[in-house]
């Protein structure tokens, strides 16, 4: 029976990549969200100014504006309720 040599493989492990702390990731995500929100608000404001939507809507039927405002109020109320609930004590 022939003998086989066992060759031990030496694995060279590279050091683990440095991990970012959770706070740094959250800060980066918050900054990106704030920047994207500012860009969106600016784009919508420019679009409204160029289209003169409110000036045209005051001369015609106001139903679409009333529906849009109701929808905005509903979303605002939902956001406020979520914020209030999130500030409450946790039940773990």
Protein backbone atom coordinates (compact mmCIF):
# COMPACT_ATOMS: atom_id res chain seq x y z
CA UNK A 1 0.00 0.00 0.00
CA UNK A 2 1.68 3.23 -1.09
CA UNK A 3 1.97 5.97 1.44
CA UNK A 4 0.59 9.34 0.60
CA UNK A 5 1.97 12.47 2.01
CA UNK A 6 -0.50 14.72 3.65
CA UNK A 7 0.13 18.30 2.76
CA UNK A 8 -1.31 20.72 5.21
CA UNK A 9 -2.84 23.70 3.60
CA UNK A 10 -2.12 26.92 5.27
CA UNK A 11 -4.93 29.36 4.83
CA UNK A 12 -3.95 32.95 4.86
CA UNK A 13 -6.77 34.89 6.35
CA UNK A 14 -7.07 38.51 5.58
CA UNK A 15 -8.11 40.78 8.39
CA UNK A 16 -11.83 41.36 8.60
CA UNK A 17 -12.99 44.58 7.01
CA UNK A 18 -13.55 47.40 9.44
CA UNK A 19 -17.16 47.64 10.45
CA UNK A 20 -18.92 50.94 10.60
CA UNK A 21 -20.77 51.66 13.74
CA UNK A 22 -24.54 51.61 13.55
CA UNK A 23 -24.70 55.28 14.49
CA UNK A 24 -22.56 56.23 11.48
CA UNK A 25 -24.78 54.23 9.13
CA UNK A 26 -27.92 55.79 10.60
CA UNK A 27 -26.42 59.26 10.28
CA UNK A 28 -25.53 58.62 6.65
CA UNK A 29 -29.02 57.30 5.88
CA UNK A 30 -30.66 60.28 7.62
CA UNK A 31 -28.51 62.75 5.71
CA UNK A 32 -29.31 61.04 2.41
CA UNK A 33 -33.03 61.07 3.21
CA UNK A 34 -32.94 64.76 4.15
CA UNK A 35 -31.08 65.64 0.95
CA UNK A 36 -33.46 63.67 -1.26
CA UNK A 37 -36.47 65.25 0.47
CA UNK A 38 -35.03 68.73 -0.12
CA UNK A 39 -34.48 67.94 -3.80
CA UNK A 40 -38.03 66.60 -4.17
CA UNK A 41 -39.57 69.64 -2.45
CA UNK A 42 -37.55 71.97 -4.66
CA UNK A 43 -38.61 70.14 -7.82
CA UNK A 44 -42.28 70.17 -6.84
CA UNK A 45 -42.14 73.85 -5.89
CA UNK A 46 -40.61 74.78 -9.23
CA UNK A 47 -43.21 72.70 -11.04
CA UNK A 48 -46.09 74.36 -9.19
CA UNK A 49 -44.64 77.82 -9.83
CA UNK A 50 -44.24 77.16 -13.55
CA UNK A 51 -47.65 75.60 -13.98
CA UNK A 52 -49.50 78.25 -11.95
CA UNK A 53 -51.78 75.52 -10.67
CA UNK A 54 -53.38 77.47 -7.85
CA UNK A 55 -54.16 80.45 -10.08
CA UNK A 56 -55.93 78.27 -12.61
CA UNK A 57 -57.76 76.25 -9.98
CA UNK A 58 -59.29 79.33 -8.36
CA UNK A 59 -61.02 80.20 -11.62
CA UNK A 60 -62.48 76.74 -12.19
CA UNK A 61 -63.86 73.83 -10.24
CA UNK A 62 -62.32 73.52 -6.79
CA UNK A 63 -63.23 69.86 -6.25
CA UNK A 64 -59.81 68.41 -7.25
CA UNK A 65 -58.03 70.85 -4.93
CA UNK A 66 -60.34 69.92 -2.06
CA UNK A 67 -59.70 66.22 -2.65
CA UNK A 68 -55.94 66.78 -2.80
CA UNK A 69 -55.97 68.82 0.41
CA UNK A 70 -58.04 66.16 2.16
CA UNK A 71 -55.53 63.53 1.09
CA UNK A 72 -52.63 65.66 2.36
CA UNK A 73 -54.37 66.19 5.70
CA UNK A 74 -55.02 62.45 6.01
CA UNK A 75 -51.35 61.64 5.36
CA UNK A 76 -50.25 64.33 7.82
CA UNK A 77 -52.56 62.95 10.50
CA UNK A 78 -51.23 59.43 9.93
CA UNK A 79 -47.65 60.68 10.25
CA UNK A 80 -48.43 62.58 13.43
CA UNK A 81 -50.17 59.55 14.96
CA UNK A 82 -47.20 57.35 14.09
CA UNK A 83 -44.80 59.83 15.70
CA UNK A 84 -46.91 60.01 18.86
CA UNK A 85 -47.09 56.23 19.14
CA UNK A 86 -43.36 55.87 18.49
CA UNK A 87 -42.55 58.21 21.37
CA UNK A 88 -44.57 56.15 23.84
CA UNK A 89 -43.06 53.53 26.14
CA UNK A 90 -42.16 50.17 24.61
CA UNK A 91 -44.00 47.09 25.73
CA UNK A 92 -41.36 44.38 25.59
